[in-house]
C-alpha atoms as a PDB file:
ATOM      1  CA  MET A   1      97.452  68.884  58.385  1.00  0.00           C
ATOM      2  CA  LEU A   2      99.078  67.826  61.671  1.00  0.00           C
ATOM      3  CA  VAL A   3      96.669  66.948  64.440  1.00  0.00           C
ATOM      4  CA  LYS A   4      98.050  66.713  67.980  1.00  0.00           C
ATOM      5  CA  ALA A   5      96.145  64.712  70.585  1.00  0.00           C
ATOM      6  CA  TRP A   6      96.858  64.193  74.282  1.00  0.00           C
ATOM      7  CA  HIS A   7      94.918  61.646  76.303  1.00  0.00           C
ATOM      8  CA  GLY A   8      95.210  62.335  80.016  1.00  0.00           C
ATOM      9  CA  TYR A   9      94.826  65.102  82.546  1.00  0.00           C
ATOM     10  CA  LEU A  10      96.470  68.197  84.050  1.00  0.00           C
ATOM     11  CA  HIS A  11      97.492  68.501  87.688  1.00  0.00           C
ATOM     12  CA  ILE A  12      96.642  71.789  89.448  1.00  0.00           C
ATOM     13  CA  GLU A  13      98.014  72.609  92.884  1.00  0.00           C
ATOM     14  CA  ILE A  14      97.471  75.517  95.241  1.00  0.00           C
ATOM     15  CA  ILE A  15     100.364  75.871  97.680  1.00  0.00           C
ATOM     16  CA  ASP A  16     100.275  77.617 101.054  1.00  0.00           C
ATOM     17  CA  HIS A  17     102.906  80.373 101.193  1.00  0.00           C
ATOM     18  CA  LEU A  18     103.663  79.839 104.904  1.00  0.00           C
ATOM     19  CA  THR A  19     104.048  76.048 105.089  1.00  0.00           C
ATOM     20  CA  HIS A  20     104.724  75.280 101.384  1.00  0.00           C
ATOM     21  CA  ALA A  21     102.141  72.507 101.734  1.00  0.00           C
ATOM     22  CA  PRO A  22      99.438  71.903  99.104  1.00  0.00           C
ATOM     23  CA  ILE A  23      95.978  73.247  99.925  1.00  0.00           C
ATOM     24  CA  VAL A  24      94.335  71.796  96.823  1.00  0.00           C
ATOM     25  CA  SER A  25      95.560  68.993  94.574  1.00  0.00           C
ATOM     26  CA  TRP A  26      93.131  68.694  91.685  1.00  0.00           C
ATOM     27  CA  LEU A  27      93.120  66.953  88.314  1.00  0.00           C
ATOM     28  CA  ILE A  28      91.316  68.228  85.214  1.00  0.00           C
ATOM     29  CA  PRO A  29      90.985  66.715  81.726  1.00  0.00           C
ATOM     30  CA  ALA A  30      93.840  67.526  79.359  1.00  0.00           C
ATOM     31  CA  ASN A  31      91.460  69.176  76.879  1.00  0.00           C
ATOM     32  CA  GLN A  32      90.531  71.823  79.462  1.00  0.00           C
ATOM     33  CA  GLN A  33      92.620  74.971  79.910  1.00  0.00           C
ATOM     34  CA  GLU A  34      94.003  75.506  83.410  1.00  0.00           C
ATOM     35  CA  HIS A  35      92.596  79.016  83.707  1.00  0.00           C
ATOM     36  CA  SER A  36      89.082  77.758  82.911  1.00  0.00           C
ATOM     37  CA  ALA A  37      89.195  75.638  86.091  1.00  0.00           C
ATOM     38  CA  TYR A  38      90.586  78.465  88.228  1.00  0.00           C
ATOM     39  CA  GLN A  39      87.355  79.529  89.915  1.00  0.00           C
ATOM     40  CA  ASP A  40      86.449  75.963  90.850  1.00  0.00           C
ATOM     41  CA  VAL A  41      89.910  75.251  92.283  1.00  0.00           C
ATOM     42  CA  PHE A  42      89.929  78.611  94.095  1.00  0.00           C
ATOM     43  CA  GLN A  43      86.619  77.815  95.806  1.00  0.00           C
ATOM     44  CA  ARG A  44      87.990  74.446  96.880  1.00  0.00           C
ATOM     45  CA  ALA A  45      90.976  76.224  98.438  1.00  0.00           C
ATOM     46  CA  VAL A  46      88.688  78.655 100.293  1.00  0.00           C
ATOM     47  CA  ARG A  47      86.668  75.736 101.637  1.00  0.00           C
ATOM     48  CA  ASN A  48      89.821  73.938 102.788  1.00  0.00           C
ATOM     49  CA  LEU A  49      90.955  77.142 104.531  1.00  0.00           C
ATOM     50  CA  GLY A  50      87.778  77.288 106.593  1.00  0.00           C
ATOM     51  CA  ASN A  51      85.996  79.679 104.214  1.00  0.00           C
ATOM     52  CA  SER A  52      88.755  82.272 104.566  1.00  0.00           C
ATOM     53  CA  LEU A  53      89.842  84.241 101.506  1.00  0.00           C
ATOM     54  CA  PRO A  54      93.578  84.528 100.820  1.00  0.00           C
ATOM     55  CA  LEU A  55      95.155  87.971 100.666  1.00  0.00           C
ATOM     56  CA  ALA A  56      96.870  87.278  97.347  1.00  0.00           C
ATOM     57  CA  VAL A  57      97.326  84.548  94.754  1.00  0.00           C
ATOM     58  CA  ALA A  58     100.624  84.081  92.896  1.00  0.00           C
ATOM     59  CA  ALA A  59     100.478  82.143  89.634  1.00  0.00           C
ATOM     60  CA  ASP A  60     102.286  81.695  86.323  1.00  0.00           C
ATOM     61  CA  LYS A  61     101.408  83.070  82.891  1.00  0.00           C
ATOM     62  CA  GLY A  62      98.895  80.307  82.282  1.00  0.00           C
ATOM     63  CA  TYR A  63      96.519  82.205  84.568  1.00  0.00           C
ATOM     64  CA  SER A  64      97.270  85.671  83.182  1.00  0.00           C
ATOM     65  CA  ILE A  65      93.736  85.977  81.820  1.00  0.00           C
ATOM     66  CA  GLU A  66      91.413  88.931  82.452  1.00  0.00           C
ATOM     67  CA  ASN A  67      88.707  86.675  83.887  1.00  0.00           C
ATOM     68  CA  VAL A  68      91.130  85.493  86.579  1.00  0.00           C
ATOM     69  CA  PHE A  69      92.139  89.067  87.477  1.00  0.00           C
ATOM     70  CA  ARG A  70      88.479  90.138  87.558  1.00  0.00           C
ATOM     71  CA  PHE A  71      87.459  87.221  89.759  1.00  0.00           C
ATOM     72  CA  ASN A  72      90.248  87.886  92.269  1.00  0.00           C
ATOM     73  CA  THR A  73      89.972  91.669  92.387  1.00  0.00           C
ATOM     74  CA  ASP A  74      86.202  91.758  92.882  1.00  0.00           C
ATOM     75  CA  LEU A  75      86.685  89.399  95.839  1.00  0.00           C
ATOM     76  CA  GLY A  76      89.363  91.658  97.309  1.00  0.00           C
ATOM     77  CA  VAL A  77      92.195  89.238  96.478  1.00  0.00           C
ATOM     78  CA  SER A  78      95.312  90.549  94.761  1.00  0.00           C
ATOM     79  CA  SER A  79      96.718  88.766  91.695  1.00  0.00           C
ATOM     80  CA  VAL A  80     100.492  88.303  91.470  1.00  0.00           C
ATOM     81  CA  ILE A  81     100.720  87.042  87.906  1.00  0.00           C
ATOM     82  CA  PRO A  82     103.214  87.928  85.121  1.00  0.00           C
ATOM     83  CA  TYR A  83     102.122  89.891  82.082  1.00  0.00           C
ATOM     84  CA  ARG A  84     100.806  87.984  79.089  1.00  0.00           C
ATOM     85  CA  ARG A  85      99.574  89.361  75.785  1.00  0.00           C
ATOM     86  CA  ARG A  86      95.841  89.032  75.117  1.00  0.00           C
ATOM     87  CA  ASN A  87      96.439  88.273  71.443  1.00  0.00           C
ATOM     88  CA  SER A  88      99.065  88.522  68.713  1.00  0.00           C
ATOM     89  CA  ALA A  89      98.049  92.113  67.950  1.00  0.00           C
ATOM     90  CA  GLU A  90      98.862  93.362  71.452  1.00  0.00           C
ATOM     91  CA  ALA A  91     102.317  94.770  72.139  1.00  0.00           C
ATOM     92  CA  GLU A  92     104.971  92.654  73.846  1.00  0.00           C
ATOM     93  CA  GLN A  93     105.085  95.118  76.733  1.00  0.00           C
ATOM     94  CA  ARG A  94     102.312  96.926  78.591  1.00  0.00           C
ATOM     95  CA  GLN A  95     101.502 100.378  77.295  1.00  0.00           C
ATOM     96  CA  PRO A  96     100.670 103.435  79.457  1.00  0.00           C
ATOM     97  CA  THR A  97      97.146 104.846  79.289  1.00  0.00           C
ATOM     98  CA  ALA A  98      95.513 108.121  80.212  1.00  0.00           C
ATOM     99  CA  THR A  99      94.558 106.794  83.667  1.00  0.00           C
ATOM    100  CA  HIS A 100      97.557 104.625  84.654  1.00  0.00           C
ATOM    101  CA  ASP A 101     101.065 103.746  83.552  1.00  0.00           C
ATOM    102  CA  GLU A 102     102.217 100.426  82.119  1.00  0.00           C
ATOM    103  CA  TYR A 103     102.682  98.984  85.630  1.00  0.00           C
ATOM    104  CA  GLY A 104      99.150  99.749  86.764  1.00  0.00           C
ATOM    105  CA  ILE A 105     100.033 102.772  88.890  1.00  0.00           C
ATOM    106  CA  PRO A 106      97.297 105.421  88.520  1.00  0.00           C
ATOM    107  CA  VAL A 107      98.318 108.897  87.393  1.00  0.00           C
ATOM    108  CA  CYS A 108      97.048 112.088  88.991  1.00  0.00           C
ATOM    109  CA  ASN A 109      93.880 113.359  87.323  1.00  0.00           C
ATOM    110  CA  ALA A 110      95.068 116.964  87.733  1.00  0.00           C
ATOM    111  CA  CYS A 111      98.754 117.023  86.792  1.00  0.00           C
ATOM    112  CA  GLY A 112      99.328 113.554  85.328  1.00  0.00           C
ATOM    113  CA  GLY A 113     102.102 112.848  87.829  1.00  0.00           C
ATOM    114  CA  ASP A 114     102.958 109.821  89.938  1.00  0.00           C
ATOM    115  CA  THR A 115     100.694 108.747  92.811  1.00  0.00           C
ATOM    116  CA  THR A 116     100.837 106.894  96.111  1.00  0.00           C
ATOM    117  CA  PHE A 117      98.483 104.199  97.352  1.00  0.00           C
ATOM    118  CA  VAL A 118      95.830 105.111  99.954  1.00  0.00           C
ATOM    119  CA  ARG A 119      93.498 102.115 100.184  1.00  0.00           C
ATOM    120  CA  PHE A 120      91.559  99.459  98.296  1.00  0.00           C
ATOM    121  CA  ALA A 121      87.986  98.281  98.863  1.00  0.00           C
ATOM    122  CA  VAL A 122      85.250  96.315  97.148  1.00  0.00           C
ATOM    123  CA  LEU A 123      82.084  98.394  96.696  1.00  0.00           C
ATOM    124  CA  LYS A 124      78.949  96.811  95.274  1.00  0.00           C
ATOM    125  CA  GLY A 125      80.961  93.825  94.092  1.00  0.00           C
ATOM    126  CA  LYS A 126      83.589  95.912  92.242  1.00  0.00           C
ATOM    127  CA  GLY A 127      87.145  96.675  93.315  1.00  0.00           C
ATOM    128  CA  ARG A 128      88.208 100.323  93.619  1.00  0.00           C
ATOM    129  CA  ILE A 129      91.564 101.958  94.408  1.00  0.00           C
ATOM    130  CA  TRP A 130      92.053 105.268  96.244  1.00  0.00           C
ATOM    131  CA  PHE A 131      95.299 107.201  95.733  1.00  0.00           C
ATOM    132  CA  LYS A 132      96.936 110.604  96.172  1.00  0.00           C
ATOM    133  CA  CYS A 133      99.212 112.644  93.957  1.00  0.00           C
ATOM    134  CA  ALA A 134     102.859 112.288  94.950  1.00  0.00           C
ATOM    135  CA  MET A 135     103.799 115.691  93.519  1.00  0.00           C
ATOM    136  CA  THR A 136     100.939 117.931  94.822  1.00  0.00           C
ATOM    137  CA  THR A 137     101.954 120.682  92.392  1.00  0.00           C
ATOM    138  CA  LEU A 138      98.394 121.950  91.967  1.00  0.00           C
ATOM    139  CA  ALA A 139      95.659 122.707  94.480  1.00  0.00           C
ATOM    140  CA  SER A 140      93.483 119.959  92.995  1.00  0.00           C
ATOM    141  CA  CYS A 141      96.317 117.452  93.564  1.00  0.00           C
ATOM    142  CA  GLN A 142      95.715 117.599  97.319  1.00  0.00           C
ATOM    143  CA  LYS A 143      92.481 115.604  97.341  1.00  0.00           C
ATOM    144  CA  VAL A 144      92.235 111.817  97.419  1.00  0.00           C
ATOM    145  CA  GLN A 145      91.311 110.369  94.022  1.00  0.00           C
ATOM    146  CA  SER A 146      89.972 106.952  93.053  1.00  0.00           C
ATOM    147  CA  ILE A 147      89.688 104.645  90.060  1.00  0.00           C
ATOM    148  CA  GLN A 148      87.635 101.517  89.474  1.00  0.00           C
ATOM    149  CA  CYS A 149      89.700  98.408  88.743  1.00  0.00           C
ATOM    150  CA  SER A 150      87.270  97.391  85.997  1.00  0.00           C
ATOM    151  CA  LYS A 151      88.930  99.987  83.733  1.00  0.00           C
ATOM    152  CA  ASP A 152      91.787  97.497  83.378  1.00  0.00           C
ATOM    153  CA  TYR A 153      91.624  94.459  85.651  1.00  0.00           C
ATOM    154  CA  ARG A 154      95.015  93.162  84.534  1.00  0.00           C
ATOM    155  CA  ALA A 155      96.805  96.404  85.426  1.00  0.00           C
ATOM    156  CA  LEU A 156      94.928  97.952  88.359  1.00  0.00           C
ATOM    157  CA  LEU A 157      95.569  95.619  91.281  1.00  0.00           C
ATOM    158  CA  PRO A 158      94.646  95.741  94.990  1.00  0.00           C
ATOM    159  CA  LEU A 159      98.333  95.186  95.783  1.00  0.00           C
ATOM    160  CA  TRP A 160     100.448  97.522  93.649  1.00  0.00           C
ATOM    161  CA  ARG A 161     103.427  96.154  91.739  1.00  0.00           C
ATOM    162  CA  THR A 162     105.646  98.724  93.478  1.00  0.00           C
ATOM    163  CA  GLU A 163     104.985  97.182  96.908  1.00  0.00           C
ATOM    164  CA  PRO A 164     107.612  94.881  98.511  1.00  0.00           C
ATOM    165  CA  ALA A 165     104.893  92.306  99.315  1.00  0.00           C
ATOM    166  CA  TYR A 166     104.033  91.992  95.613  1.00  0.00           C
ATOM    167  CA  ALA A 167     107.703  91.645  94.661  1.00  0.00           C
ATOM    168  CA  ALA A 168     108.312  89.038  97.375  1.00  0.00           C
ATOM    169  CA  LEU A 169     105.398  86.901  96.186  1.00  0.00           C
ATOM    170  CA  ARG A 170     106.438  87.279  92.563  1.00  0.00           C
ATOM    171  CA  GLU A 171     110.024  86.212  93.228  1.00  0.00           C
ATOM    172  CA  SER A 172     109.078  83.327  95.525  1.00  0.00           C
ATOM    173  CA  HIS A 173     106.535  81.775  93.137  1.00  0.00           C
ATOM    174  CA  SER A 174     109.142  79.662  91.347  1.00  0.00           C
ATOM    175  CA  SER A 175     109.957  77.906  94.624  1.00  0.00           C
ATOM    176  CA  TYR A 176     106.465  76.353  94.642  1.00  0.00           C
ATOM    177  CA  GLU A 177     106.904  74.625  91.294  1.00  0.00           C
ATOM    178  CA  HIS A 178     109.003  71.835  92.811  1.00  0.00           C
ATOM    179  CA  LYS A 179     105.925  70.654  94.735  1.00  0.00           C
ATOM    180  CA  HIS A 180     104.642  68.925  91.588  1.00  0.00           C
ATOM    181  CA  ARG A 181     107.837  66.881  91.465  1.00  0.00           C
ATOM    182  CA  ASP A 182     107.792  66.230  95.232  1.00  0.00           C
ATOM    183  CA  LEU A 183     104.277  64.766  95.161  1.00  0.00           C
ATOM    184  CA  ARG A 184     105.125  62.729  92.081  1.00  0.00           C
ATOM    185  CA  ILE A 185     108.197  61.197  93.732  1.00  0.00           C
ATOM    186  CA  GLN A 186     106.802  60.717  97.238  1.00  0.00           C
ATOM    187  CA  TYR A 187     103.236  59.636  96.454  1.00  0.00           C
ATOM    188  CA  LEU A 188     103.195  58.961  92.687  1.00  0.00           C
ATOM    189  CA  VAL A 189     100.679  61.760  92.158  1.00  0.00           C
ATOM    190  CA  ALA A 190     100.214  62.421  88.424  1.00  0.00           C
ATOM    191  CA  PRO A 191     103.274  60.351  87.421  1.00  0.00           C
ATOM    192  CA  ASP A 192     104.738  61.202  84.022  1.00  0.00           C
ATOM    193  CA  CYS A 193     105.952  57.659  83.371  1.00  0.00           C
ATOM    194  CA  LEU A 194     103.706  54.986  81.884  1.00  0.00           C
ATOM    195  CA  ALA A 195     105.296  52.327  84.095  1.00  0.00           C
ATOM    196  CA  LEU A 196     104.228  54.192  87.262  1.00  0.00           C
ATOM    197  CA  ARG A 197     100.711  55.160  86.260  1.00  0.00           C
ATOM    198  CA  PRO A 198      97.824  53.188  87.764  1.00  0.00           C
ATOM    199  CA  LYS A 199      96.593  50.547  85.340  1.00  0.00           C
ATOM    200  CA  ARG A 200      93.007  51.464  86.148  1.00  0.00           C
ATOM    201  CA  PRO A 201      91.773  54.011  83.571  1.00  0.00           C
ATOM    202  CA  GLY A 202      89.984  57.200  84.471  1.00  0.00           C
ATOM    203  CA  ARG A 203      90.695  60.412  86.370  1.00  0.00           C
ATOM    204  CA  ALA A 204      88.908  59.301  89.564  1.00  0.00           C
ATOM    205  CA  CYS A 205      91.659  56.843  90.447  1.00  0.00           C
ATOM    206  CA  GLN A 206      94.319  59.523  90.043  1.00  0.00           C
ATOM    207  CA  GLN A 207      92.276  62.039  92.037  1.00  0.00           C
ATOM    208  CA  LEU A 208      91.924  59.601  94.927  1.00  0.00           C
ATOM    209  CA  ARG A 209      95.699  59.256  95.069  1.00  0.00           C
ATOM    210  CA  ALA A 210      96.163  63.041  94.960  1.00  0.00           C
ATOM    211  CA  SER A 211      93.618  63.567  97.770  1.00  0.00           C
ATOM    212  CA  ALA A 212      95.282  60.905  99.928  1.00  0.00           C
ATOM    213  CA  ALA A 213      98.653  62.596  99.394  1.00  0.00           C
ATOM    214  CA  LEU A 214      97.117  65.940 100.421  1.00  0.00           C
ATOM    215  CA  LEU A 215      95.899  64.424 103.701  1.00  0.00           C
ATOM    216  CA  ILE A 216      99.301  62.881 104.461  1.00  0.00           C
ATOM    217  CA  GLU A 217     101.078  66.167 103.696  1.00  0.00           C
ATOM    218  CA  TRP A 218      98.978  68.056 106.244  1.00  0.00           C
ATOM    219  CA  LEU A 219      99.476  65.359 108.857  1.00  0.00           C
ATOM    220  CA  ARG A 220     103.184  65.886 108.290  1.00  0.00           C
ATOM    221  CA  VAL A 221     102.838  69.682 108.609  1.00  0.00           C
ATOM    222  CA  THR A 222     100.849  69.497 111.856  1.00  0.00           C
ATOM    223  CA  LEU A 223     103.318  66.975 113.283  1.00  0.00           C
ATOM    224  CA  ARG A 224     106.317  69.182 112.491  1.00  0.00           C
ATOM    225  CA  ALA A 225     104.525  72.225 113.904  1.00  0.00           C
ATOM    226  CA  GLY A 226     104.009  70.411 117.216  1.00  0.00           C
ATOM    227  CA  LEU A 227     100.208  70.430 116.919  1.00  0.00           C
ATOM    228  CA  LEU A 228     100.045  66.641 117.393  1.00  0.00           C
ATOM    229  CA  GLY A 229     102.347  66.630 120.407  1.00  0.00           C
ATOM    230  CA  GLY A 230     106.107  66.564 120.636  1.00  0.00           C
ATOM    231  CA  PRO A 231     108.665  69.294 119.877  1.00  0.00           C
ATOM    232  CA  THR A 232     108.294  71.741 117.029  1.00  0.00           C
ATOM    233  CA  GLN A 233     110.546  70.782 114.146  1.00  0.00           C
ATOM    234  CA  VAL A 234     109.898  73.774 111.899  1.00  0.00           C
ATOM    235  CA  GLY A 235     112.889  76.109 111.836  1.00  0.00           C
ATOM    236  CA  PRO A 236     112.762  79.880 111.319  1.00  0.00           C
ATOM    237  CA  SER A 237     111.953  80.830 107.746  1.00  0.00           C
ATOM    238  CA  ARG A 238     113.820  83.390 105.674  1.00  0.00           C
ATOM    239  CA  PRO A 239     111.149  85.176 103.682  1.00  0.00           C
ATOM    240  CA  ASN A 240     112.073  87.035 100.531  1.00  0.00           C
ATOM    241  CA  SER A 241     111.726  90.781 101.168  1.00  0.00           C
ATOM    242  CA  GLY A 242     111.310  91.686  97.493  1.00  0.00           C
ATOM    243  CA  ASN A 243     113.296  94.900  98.036  1.00  0.00           C
ATOM    244  CA  GLY A 244     115.619  94.145  95.130  1.00  0.00           C
ATOM    245  CA  MET A 245     112.784  93.850  92.641  1.00  0.00           C
ATOM    246  CA  VAL A 246     111.103  96.974  94.054  1.00  0.00           C
ATOM    247  CA  GLU A 247     114.271  99.001  93.574  1.00  0.00           C
ATOM    248  CA  ARG A 248     114.755  97.752  90.004  1.00  0.00           C
ATOM    249  CA  LEU A 249     111.145  98.607  89.165  1.00  0.00           C
ATOM    250  CA  ARG A 250     111.514 102.065  90.716  1.00  0.00           C
ATOM    251  CA  GLU A 251     114.567 102.832  88.583  1.00  0.00           C
ATOM    252  CA  LEU A 252     112.827 101.530  85.461  1.00  0.00           C
ATOM    253  CA  ARG A 253     109.707 103.628  86.099  1.00  0.00           C
ATOM    254  CA  MET A 254     111.824 106.729  86.703  1.00  0.00           C
ATOM    255  CA  ALA A 255     113.710 106.165  83.453  1.00  0.00           C
ATOM    256  CA  LYS A 256     110.499 105.715  81.459  1.00  0.00           C
ATOM    257  CA  ALA A 257     108.887 108.726  83.100  1.00  0.00           C
ATOM    258  CA  ALA A 258     111.904 110.848  82.093  1.00  0.00           C
ATOM    259  CA  LEU A 259     111.581 109.679  78.492  1.00  0.00           C
ATOM    260  CA  ARG A 260     107.886 110.623  78.400  1.00  0.00           C
ATOM    261  CA  SER A 261     108.437 114.043  79.994  1.00  0.00           C
ATOM    262  CA  PRO A 262     108.664 116.998  77.588  1.00  0.00           C
ATOM    263  CA  ASP A 263     112.010 118.753  77.266  1.00  0.00           C
ATOM    264  CA  PRO A 264     112.403 121.780  79.547  1.00  0.00           C
ATOM    265  CA  PRO A 265     112.069 125.177  77.792  1.00  0.00           C
END
């Protein structure tokens, strides 16, 4: 039997979408899964933001766990996280259900057709989505309908996958990954080379270095933004609109809807 052991730690970062600066730089033991530390790291980010909740969190598949979706949704925060199977028995792709399609878009309770988003709110600690039928073929299709996100936290999101904002966050997430390398090169945070690691054992020494780097990064951001005096050095950004991904998803949903529709008489 092969036993694999890893002595060390994992480096978790939360990056601000506007400035691309780290909000939290936190180290956890290597025997702890990243998603198990999510709530703790999230609360640290909220504290560093002045107790303000973010509108959305974009992450990789490592955080595609139902507990993460539940935690975010019931706080009113949207999760922009790729699909990941729960277990080996689950299908490679999402499957449509009686209440929503494979992309988390609710279906009309009356005619089973496509719907449009109305609003999202957290009631009694649980997220709920309101929507309207896009077809309005029946009289009962006219009224606003709702569904509780707890029916499927991983699918039913506050920010629908068909929205440009979701697509923009999804496509821009990969640009944040380089921040791990930047902090490693500039400040030797979580170095992956034995020659560069501090000779003092323990996670506390590494965490002190990561926290110092976080402070320096925000001094740099405020300086470039002109908040410490002097001219502003931050140029205009070119945000990703996400329109390309939205259009591709629209075509894919239309094609799948046509396949599921019965043949005309």
